[in-house]
Structure formats: C-alpha cells, structure tokens
PDB file of all heavy atoms in Angstrom:
ATOM      1  N   THR A   1     117.149  98.196   1.576  1.00  0.00           N
ATOM      2  CA  THR A   1     117.467  99.156   2.601  1.00  0.00           C
ATOM      3  C   THR A   1     116.578  98.845   3.832  1.00  0.00           C
ATOM      4  O   THR A   1     115.461  98.314   3.684  1.00  0.00           O
ATOM      5  CB  THR A   1     117.152 100.560   2.144  1.00  0.00           C
ATOM      6  OG1 THR A   1     115.827 100.749   1.645  1.00  0.00           O
ATOM      7  CG2 THR A   1     118.211 101.039   1.133  1.00  0.00           C
ATOM      8  N   TYR A   2     117.073  99.146   5.035  1.00  0.00           N
ATOM      9  CA  TYR A   2     116.342  98.806   6.237  1.00  0.00           C
ATOM     10  C   TYR A   2     116.646  99.744   7.378  1.00  0.00           C
ATOM     11  O   TYR A   2     117.619 100.478   7.367  1.00  0.00           O
ATOM     12  CB  TYR A   2     116.622  97.362   6.681  1.00  0.00           C
ATOM     13  CG  TYR A   2     118.069  97.253   7.264  1.00  0.00           C
ATOM     14  CD1 TYR A   2     118.226  97.440   8.693  1.00  0.00           C
ATOM     15  CD2 TYR A   2     119.190  96.953   6.523  1.00  0.00           C
ATOM     16  CE1 TYR A   2     119.503  97.312   9.252  1.00  0.00           C
ATOM     17  CE2 TYR A   2     120.438  96.847   7.085  1.00  0.00           C
ATOM     18  CZ  TYR A   2     120.558  97.064   8.499  1.00  0.00           C
ATOM     19  OH  TYR A   2     121.855  96.996   9.088  1.00  0.00           O
ATOM     20  N   GLU A   3     115.823  99.667   8.436  1.00  0.00           N
ATOM     21  CA  GLU A   3     116.123 100.322   9.717  1.00  0.00           C
ATOM     22  C   GLU A   3     115.607  99.390  10.770  1.00  0.00           C
ATOM     23  O   GLU A   3     114.619  98.655  10.598  1.00  0.00           O
ATOM     24  CB  GLU A   3     115.504 101.668   9.767  1.00  0.00           C
ATOM     25  CG  GLU A   3     113.963 101.647   9.782  1.00  0.00           C
ATOM     26  CD  GLU A   3     113.325 102.988   9.923  1.00  0.00           C
ATOM     27  OE1 GLU A   3     114.024 103.982  10.170  1.00  0.00           O
ATOM     28  OE2 GLU A   3     112.046 103.051   9.734  1.00  0.00           O
ATOM     29  N   VAL A   4     116.264  99.429  11.908  1.00  0.00           N
ATOM     30  CA  VAL A   4     115.778  98.731  13.131  1.00  0.00           C
ATOM     31  C   VAL A   4     115.451  99.838  14.160  1.00  0.00           C
ATOM     32  O   VAL A   4     116.344 100.666  14.548  1.00  0.00           O
ATOM     33  CB  VAL A   4     116.811  97.776  13.712  1.00  0.00           C
ATOM     34  CG1 VAL A   4     116.322  97.127  14.977  1.00  0.00           C
ATOM     35  CG2 VAL A   4     117.142  96.691  12.694  1.00  0.00           C
ATOM     36  N   ILE A   5     114.221  99.881  14.602  1.00  0.00           N
ATOM     37  CA  ILE A   5     113.790 100.909  15.628  1.00  0.00           C
ATOM     38  C   ILE A   5     113.562 100.168  16.972  1.00  0.00           C
ATOM     39  O   ILE A   5     112.623  99.375  17.143  1.00  0.00           O
ATOM     40  CB  ILE A   5     112.473 101.607  15.216  1.00  0.00           C
ATOM     41  CG1 ILE A   5     112.629 102.253  13.865  1.00  0.00           C
ATOM     42  CG2 ILE A   5     112.107 102.607  16.230  1.00  0.00           C
ATOM     43  CD1 ILE A   5     111.335 102.868  13.302  1.00  0.00           C
ATOM     44  N   VAL A   6     114.493 100.471  17.941  1.00  0.00           N
ATOM     45  CA  VAL A   6     114.360  99.912  19.283  1.00  0.00           C
ATOM     46  C   VAL A   6     113.547 100.944  20.094  1.00  0.00           C
ATOM     47  O   VAL A   6     113.983 102.062  20.295  1.00  0.00           O
ATOM     48  CB  VAL A   6     115.677  99.626  19.911  1.00  0.00           C
ATOM     49  CG1 VAL A   6     115.446  99.110  21.320  1.00  0.00           C
ATOM     50  CG2 VAL A   6     116.520  98.668  19.069  1.00  0.00           C
ATOM     51  N   VAL A   7     112.372 100.520  20.523  1.00  0.00           N
ATOM     52  CA  VAL A   7     111.562 101.452  21.355  1.00  0.00           C
ATOM     53  C   VAL A   7     111.714 100.987  22.810  1.00  0.00           C
ATOM     54  O   VAL A   7     111.235  99.890  23.260  1.00  0.00           O
ATOM     55  CB  VAL A   7     110.067 101.356  20.931  1.00  0.00           C
ATOM     56  CG1 VAL A   7     109.256 102.383  21.766  1.00  0.00           C
ATOM     57  CG2 VAL A   7     109.921 101.564  19.439  1.00  0.00           C
ATOM     58  N   ASP A   8     112.360 101.839  23.580  1.00  0.00           N
ATOM     59  CA  ASP A   8     112.502 101.545  25.051  1.00  0.00           C
ATOM     60  C   ASP A   8     111.315 102.020  25.751  1.00  0.00           C
ATOM     61  O   ASP A   8     111.102 103.244  25.843  1.00  0.00           O
ATOM     62  CB  ASP A   8     113.764 102.308  25.583  1.00  0.00           C
ATOM     63  CG  ASP A   8     114.106 101.967  27.006  1.00  0.00           C
ATOM     64  OD1 ASP A   8     113.210 101.413  27.689  1.00  0.00           O
ATOM     65  OD2 ASP A   8     115.152 102.303  27.517  1.00  0.00           O
ATOM     66  N   ASP A   9     110.526 101.132  26.247  1.00  0.00           N
ATOM     67  CA  ASP A   9     109.237 101.413  26.830  1.00  0.00           C
ATOM     68  C   ASP A   9     109.339 101.762  28.312  1.00  0.00           C
ATOM     69  O   ASP A   9     108.726 101.166  29.173  1.00  0.00           O
ATOM     70  CB  ASP A   9     108.293 100.238  26.705  1.00  0.00           C
ATOM     71  CG  ASP A   9     106.855 100.512  26.995  1.00  0.00           C
ATOM     72  OD1 ASP A   9     106.469 101.730  26.987  1.00  0.00           O
ATOM     73  OD2 ASP A   9     106.130  99.557  27.271  1.00  0.00           O
ATOM     74  N   GLY A  10     110.078 102.849  28.595  1.00  0.00           N
ATOM     75  CA  GLY A  10     110.171 103.359  29.966  1.00  0.00           C
ATOM     76  C   GLY A  10     111.004 102.394  30.893  1.00  0.00           C
ATOM     77  O   GLY A  10     110.640 102.257  32.075  1.00  0.00           O
ATOM     78  N   SER A  11     112.000 101.722  30.322  1.00  0.00           N
ATOM     79  CA  SER A  11     112.770 100.763  31.129  1.00  0.00           C
ATOM     80  C   SER A  11     113.422 101.384  32.305  1.00  0.00           C
ATOM     81  O   SER A  11     113.826 102.517  32.260  1.00  0.00           O
ATOM     82  CB  SER A  11     113.842 100.091  30.184  1.00  0.00           C
ATOM     83  OG  SER A  11     113.204  99.384  29.092  1.00  0.00           O
ATOM     84  N   ARG A  12     113.710 100.562  33.306  1.00  0.00           N
ATOM     85  CA  ARG A  12     114.444 100.926  34.504  1.00  0.00           C
ATOM     86  C   ARG A  12     115.867 100.545  34.441  1.00  0.00           C
ATOM     87  O   ARG A  12     116.677 100.821  35.359  1.00  0.00           O
ATOM     88  CB  ARG A  12     113.736 100.483  35.789  1.00  0.00           C
ATOM     89  CG  ARG A  12     112.338 101.033  36.034  1.00  0.00           C
ATOM     90  CD  ARG A  12     111.771 100.665  37.343  1.00  0.00           C
ATOM     91  NE  ARG A  12     111.716  99.174  37.441  1.00  0.00           N
ATOM     92  CZ  ARG A  12     110.543  98.521  37.130  1.00  0.00           C
ATOM     93  NH1 ARG A  12     109.539  99.199  36.641  1.00  0.00           N
ATOM     94  NH2 ARG A  12     110.494  97.227  37.235  1.00  0.00           N
ATOM     95  N   ASP A  13     116.273  99.713  33.438  1.00  0.00           N
ATOM     96  CA  ASP A  13     117.640  99.241  33.331  1.00  0.00           C
ATOM     97  C   ASP A  13     118.342  99.966  32.226  1.00  0.00           C
ATOM     98  O   ASP A  13     117.981 101.076  31.845  1.00  0.00           O
ATOM     99  CB  ASP A  13     117.600  97.690  33.144  1.00  0.00           C
ATOM    100  CG  ASP A  13     116.914  97.309  31.771  1.00  0.00           C
ATOM    101  OD1 ASP A  13     116.571  98.220  31.043  1.00  0.00           O
ATOM    102  OD2 ASP A  13     116.961  96.129  31.515  1.00  0.00           O
ATOM    103  N   GLN A  14     119.338  99.320  31.627  1.00  0.00           N
ATOM    104  CA  GLN A  14     120.171  99.966  30.625  1.00  0.00           C
ATOM    105  C   GLN A  14     119.822  99.592  29.228  1.00  0.00           C
ATOM    106  O   GLN A  14     120.678  99.606  28.354  1.00  0.00           O
ATOM    107  CB  GLN A  14     121.606  99.547  30.919  1.00  0.00           C
ATOM    108  CG  GLN A  14     122.147  99.944  32.317  1.00  0.00           C
ATOM    109  CD  GLN A  14     122.174 101.418  32.498  1.00  0.00           C
ATOM    110  OE1 GLN A  14     122.652 102.195  31.647  1.00  0.00           O
ATOM    111  NE2 GLN A  14     121.662 101.863  33.569  1.00  0.00           N
ATOM    112  N   THR A  15     118.510  99.436  28.929  1.00  0.00           N
ATOM    113  CA  THR A  15     118.080  99.021  27.634  1.00  0.00           C
ATOM    114  C   THR A  15     118.463 100.024  26.574  1.00  0.00           C
ATOM    115  O   THR A  15     119.009  99.697  25.508  1.00  0.00           O
ATOM    116  CB  THR A  15     116.545  98.827  27.617  1.00  0.00           C
ATOM    117  OG1 THR A  15     116.208  97.686  28.400  1.00  0.00           O
ATOM    118  CG2 THR A  15     116.027  98.522  26.171  1.00  0.00           C
ATOM    119  N   THR A  16     118.226 101.355  26.844  1.00  0.00           N
ATOM    120  CA  THR A  16     118.621 102.340  25.891  1.00  0.00           C
ATOM    121  C   THR A  16     120.090 102.381  25.657  1.00  0.00           C
ATOM    122  O   THR A  16     120.545 102.505  24.415  1.00  0.00           O
ATOM    123  CB  THR A  16     118.117 103.722  26.387  1.00  0.00           C
ATOM    124  OG1 THR A  16     116.698 103.783  26.276  1.00  0.00           O
ATOM    125  CG2 THR A  16     118.706 104.919  25.529  1.00  0.00           C
ATOM    126  N   LYS A  17     120.882 102.238  26.631  1.00  0.00           N
ATOM    127  CA  LYS A  17     122.324 102.266  26.489  1.00  0.00           C
ATOM    128  C   LYS A  17     122.777 101.103  25.622  1.00  0.00           C
ATOM    129  O   LYS A  17     123.682 101.266  24.714  1.00  0.00           O
ATOM    130  CB  LYS A  17     123.001 102.180  27.858  1.00  0.00           C
ATOM    131  CG  LYS A  17     124.516 102.351  27.856  1.00  0.00           C
ATOM    132  CD  LYS A  17     125.089 102.391  29.266  1.00  0.00           C
ATOM    133  CE  LYS A  17     126.568 102.583  29.287  1.00  0.00           C
ATOM    134  NZ  LYS A  17     127.101 102.553  30.667  1.00  0.00           N
ATOM    135  N   VAL A  18     122.208  99.955  25.856  1.00  0.00           N
ATOM    136  CA  VAL A  18     122.570  98.787  25.062  1.00  0.00           C
ATOM    137  C   VAL A  18     122.263  98.925  23.607  1.00  0.00           C
ATOM    138  O   VAL A  18     122.991  98.731  22.676  1.00  0.00           O
ATOM    139  CB  VAL A  18     121.865  97.502  25.571  1.00  0.00           C
ATOM    140  CG1 VAL A  18     121.998  96.266  24.578  1.00  0.00           C
ATOM    141  CG2 VAL A  18     122.392  97.163  26.956  1.00  0.00           C
ATOM    142  N   ALA A  19     121.010  99.551  23.364  1.00  0.00           N
ATOM    143  CA  ALA A  19     120.560  99.682  21.976  1.00  0.00           C
ATOM    144  C   ALA A  19     121.423 100.812  21.297  1.00  0.00           C
ATOM    145  O   ALA A  19     121.765 100.678  20.093  1.00  0.00           O
ATOM    146  CB  ALA A  19     119.106 100.191  22.014  1.00  0.00           C
ATOM    147  N   LEU A  20     121.906 101.767  22.025  1.00  0.00           N
ATOM    148  CA  LEU A  20     122.744 102.822  21.455  1.00  0.00           C
ATOM    149  C   LEU A  20     124.025 102.331  20.975  1.00  0.00           C
ATOM    150  O   LEU A  20     124.668 102.885  20.055  1.00  0.00           O
ATOM    151  CB  LEU A  20     122.875 104.040  22.442  1.00  0.00           C
ATOM    152  CG  LEU A  20     121.676 104.897  22.552  1.00  0.00           C
ATOM    153  CD1 LEU A  20     121.873 105.894  23.695  1.00  0.00           C
ATOM    154  CD2 LEU A  20     121.337 105.686  21.283  1.00  0.00           C
ATOM    155  N   LYS A  21     124.534 101.273  21.586  1.00  0.00           N
ATOM    156  CA  LYS A  21     125.792 100.667  21.134  1.00  0.00           C
ATOM    157  C   LYS A  21     125.668 100.189  19.703  1.00  0.00           C
ATOM    158  O   LYS A  21     126.645 100.203  18.962  1.00  0.00           O
ATOM    159  CB  LYS A  21     126.238  99.579  22.108  1.00  0.00           C
ATOM    160  CG  LYS A  21     126.664 100.055  23.483  1.00  0.00           C
ATOM    161  CD  LYS A  21     127.023  98.835  24.358  1.00  0.00           C
ATOM    162  CE  LYS A  21     127.514  99.359  25.726  1.00  0.00           C
ATOM    163  NZ  LYS A  21     127.862  98.186  26.619  1.00  0.00           N
ATOM    164  N   TYR A  22     124.514  99.648  19.382  1.00  0.00           N
ATOM    165  CA  TYR A  22     124.310  99.102  18.004  1.00  0.00           C
ATOM    166  C   TYR A  22     124.136 100.310  17.048  1.00  0.00           C
ATOM    167  O   TYR A  22     124.520 100.192  15.868  1.00  0.00           O
ATOM    168  CB  TYR A  22     123.003  98.204  17.962  1.00  0.00           C
ATOM    169  CG  TYR A  22     123.344  96.898  18.653  1.00  0.00           C
ATOM    170  CD1 TYR A  22     123.028  96.693  19.995  1.00  0.00           C
ATOM    171  CD2 TYR A  22     123.887  95.846  17.958  1.00  0.00           C
ATOM    172  CE1 TYR A  22     123.305  95.495  20.661  1.00  0.00           C
ATOM    173  CE2 TYR A  22     124.127  94.599  18.554  1.00  0.00           C
ATOM    174  CZ  TYR A  22     123.850  94.460  19.894  1.00  0.00           C
ATOM    175  OH  TYR A  22     124.132  93.239  20.524  1.00  0.00           O
ATOM    176  N   SER A  23     123.570 101.363  17.542  1.00  0.00           N
ATOM    177  CA  SER A  23     123.423 102.571  16.720  1.00  0.00           C
ATOM    178  C   SER A  23     124.789 103.092  16.390  1.00  0.00           C
ATOM    179  O   SER A  23     125.025 103.602  15.267  1.00  0.00           O
ATOM    180  CB  SER A  23     122.549 103.598  17.467  1.00  0.00           C
ATOM    181  OG  SER A  23     122.382 104.767  16.645  1.00  0.00           O
ATOM    182  N   GLN A  24     125.630 103.136  17.341  1.00  0.00           N
ATOM    183  CA  GLN A  24     127.044 103.543  17.215  1.00  0.00           C
ATOM    184  C   GLN A  24     127.807 102.665  16.164  1.00  0.00           C
ATOM    185  O   GLN A  24     128.522 103.134  15.313  1.00  0.00           O
ATOM    186  CB  GLN A  24     127.769 103.638  18.495  1.00  0.00           C
ATOM    187  CG  GLN A  24     129.212 104.218  18.468  1.00  0.00           C
ATOM    188  CD  GLN A  24     129.797 104.281  19.799  1.00  0.00           C
ATOM    189  OE1 GLN A  24     129.616 103.526  20.682  1.00  0.00           O
ATOM    190  NE2 GLN A  24     130.563 105.372  19.963  1.00  0.00           N
ATOM    191  N   LYS A  25     127.560 101.349  16.339  1.00  0.00           N
ATOM    192  CA  LYS A  25     128.283 100.427  15.429  1.00  0.00           C
ATOM    193  C   LYS A  25     127.782 100.454  14.012  1.00  0.00           C
ATOM    194  O   LYS A  25     128.560 100.427  13.054  1.00  0.00           O
ATOM    195  CB  LYS A  25     128.126  99.000  15.971  1.00  0.00           C
ATOM    196  CG  LYS A  25     128.856  97.912  15.175  1.00  0.00           C
ATOM    197  CD  LYS A  25     128.716  96.590  15.832  1.00  0.00           C
ATOM    198  CE  LYS A  25     129.402  95.512  15.022  1.00  0.00           C
ATOM    199  NZ  LYS A  25     129.285  94.166  15.623  1.00  0.00           N
ATOM    200  N   TYR A  26     126.448 100.506  13.803  1.00  0.00           N
ATOM    201  CA  TYR A  26     125.888 100.407  12.450  1.00  0.00           C
ATOM    202  C   TYR A  26     125.452 101.732  11.883  1.00  0.00           C
ATOM    203  O   TYR A  26     125.130 101.820  10.733  1.00  0.00           O
ATOM    204  CB  TYR A  26     124.712  99.443  12.463  1.00  0.00           C
ATOM    205  CG  TYR A  26     125.073  97.985  12.728  1.00  0.00           C
ATOM    206  CD1 TYR A  26     125.181  97.522  13.998  1.00  0.00           C
ATOM    207  CD2 TYR A  26     125.466  97.163  11.723  1.00  0.00           C
ATOM    208  CE1 TYR A  26     125.521  96.139  14.292  1.00  0.00           C
ATOM    209  CE2 TYR A  26     125.853  95.848  11.952  1.00  0.00           C
ATOM    210  CZ  TYR A  26     125.862  95.343  13.215  1.00  0.00           C
ATOM    211  OH  TYR A  26     126.246  94.055  13.478  1.00  0.00           O
ATOM    212  N   GLY A  27     125.405 102.780  12.751  1.00  0.00           N
ATOM    213  CA  GLY A  27     124.953 104.064  12.269  1.00  0.00           C
ATOM    214  C   GLY A  27     123.489 104.312  12.629  1.00  0.00           C
ATOM    215  O   GLY A  27     122.740 103.393  12.607  1.00  0.00           O
ATOM    216  N   SER A  28     123.179 105.627  12.855  1.00  0.00           N
ATOM    217  CA  SER A  28     121.810 105.956  13.278  1.00  0.00           C
ATOM    218  C   SER A  28     120.767 105.931  12.192  1.00  0.00           C
ATOM    219  O   SER A  28     119.592 105.990  12.425  1.00  0.00           O
ATOM    220  CB  SER A  28     121.794 107.362  13.985  1.00  0.00           C
ATOM    221  OG  SER A  28     122.296 108.312  13.026  1.00  0.00           O
ATOM    222  N   GLU A  29     121.247 105.763  10.952  1.00  0.00           N
ATOM    223  CA  GLU A  29     120.280 105.544   9.804  1.00  0.00           C
ATOM    224  C   GLU A  29     119.755 104.132   9.865  1.00  0.00           C
ATOM    225  O   GLU A  29     118.693 103.892   9.342  1.00  0.00           O
ATOM    226  CB  GLU A  29     120.975 105.910   8.519  1.00  0.00           C
ATOM    227  CG  GLU A  29     120.988 107.343   8.107  1.00  0.00           C
ATOM    228  CD  GLU A  29     119.523 107.871   7.940  1.00  0.00           C
ATOM    229  OE1 GLU A  29     118.867 107.421   7.039  1.00  0.00           O
ATOM    230  OE2 GLU A  29     119.169 108.798   8.693  1.00  0.00           O
ATOM    231  N   LYS A  30     120.578 103.206  10.385  1.00  0.00           N
ATOM    232  CA  LYS A  30     120.177 101.818  10.365  1.00  0.00           C
ATOM    233  C   LYS A  30     119.540 101.351  11.734  1.00  0.00           C
ATOM    234  O   LYS A  30     118.629 100.486  11.799  1.00  0.00           O
ATOM    235  CB  LYS A  30     121.379 100.895  10.023  1.00  0.00           C
ATOM    236  CG  LYS A  30     121.779 101.031   8.555  1.00  0.00           C
ATOM    237  CD  LYS A  30     122.867 100.035   8.226  1.00  0.00           C
ATOM    238  CE  LYS A  30     123.183 100.026   6.749  1.00  0.00           C
ATOM    239  NZ  LYS A  30     124.306  99.108   6.407  1.00  0.00           N
ATOM    240  N   VAL A  31     120.142 101.876  12.778  1.00  0.00           N
ATOM    241  CA  VAL A  31     119.639 101.516  14.155  1.00  0.00           C
ATOM    242  C   VAL A  31     119.162 102.780  14.831  1.00  0.00           C
ATOM    243  O   VAL A  31     120.016 103.641  15.115  1.00  0.00           O
ATOM    244  CB  VAL A  31     120.685 100.722  14.980  1.00  0.00           C
ATOM    245  CG1 VAL A  31     120.078 100.423  16.367  1.00  0.00           C
ATOM    246  CG2 VAL A  31     121.099  99.488  14.260  1.00  0.00           C
ATOM    247  N   ARG A  32     117.897 102.887  15.109  1.00  0.00           N
ATOM    248  CA  ARG A  32     117.312 104.056  15.711  1.00  0.00           C
ATOM    249  C   ARG A  32     116.795 103.734  17.068  1.00  0.00           C
ATOM    250  O   ARG A  32     116.132 102.682  17.204  1.00  0.00           O
ATOM    251  CB  ARG A  32     116.254 104.688  14.788  1.00  0.00           C
ATOM    252  CG  ARG A  32     116.681 104.687  13.307  1.00  0.00           C
ATOM    253  CD  ARG A  32     115.768 105.551  12.468  1.00  0.00           C
ATOM    254  NE  ARG A  32     116.348 106.870  12.328  1.00  0.00           N
ATOM    255  CZ  ARG A  32     115.821 107.815  11.692  1.00  0.00           C
ATOM    256  NH1 ARG A  32     114.589 107.667  11.086  1.00  0.00           N
ATOM    257  NH2 ARG A  32     116.352 109.067  11.597  1.00  0.00           N
ATOM    258  N   VAL A  33     116.986 104.587  18.026  1.00  0.00           N
ATOM    259  CA  VAL A  33     116.516 104.321  19.391  1.00  0.00           C
ATOM    260  C   VAL A  33     115.560 105.318  19.822  1.00  0.00           C
ATOM    261  O   VAL A  33     115.814 106.590  19.804  1.00  0.00           O
ATOM    262  CB  VAL A  33     117.737 104.297  20.416  1.00  0.00           C
ATOM    263  CG1 VAL A  33     117.264 103.946  21.741  1.00  0.00           C
ATOM    264  CG2 VAL A  33     118.823 103.305  19.913  1.00  0.00           C
ATOM    265  N   LEU A  34     114.345 104.904  20.267  1.00  0.00           N
ATOM    266  CA  LEU A  34     113.258 105.819  20.640  1.00  0.00           C
ATOM    267  C   LEU A  34     112.915 105.501  22.103  1.00  0.00           C
ATOM    268  O   LEU A  34     112.151 104.594  22.391  1.00  0.00           O
ATOM    269  CB  LEU A  34     112.085 105.601  19.744  1.00  0.00           C
ATOM    270  CG  LEU A  34     110.826 106.452  20.052  1.00  0.00           C
ATOM    271  CD1 LEU A  34     111.196 107.935  19.949  1.00  0.00           C
ATOM    272  CD2 LEU A  34     109.648 106.084  19.130  1.00  0.00           C
TER     273      LEU A  34
END
C-alpha cells in the first residue's frame, strides 16, 4: 500500500490543479494534495 503526498509550497502557478488531476484519477487515498 502507498500514498503520494504532493505539497504545494505556496506556488503561484497551477501546481495544485495539476496534482488534483492525479488525485481524481487514482483516488484521494493514493494521491493527496496539501
């Protein structure tokens, strides 16, 4: 079992939006966006 935690360090671009696409594809249990 695994999880990937993408930590958006106050980005000014669309980093969070890009990461959330993976959360949507794989599920929020596997890809988490902080």
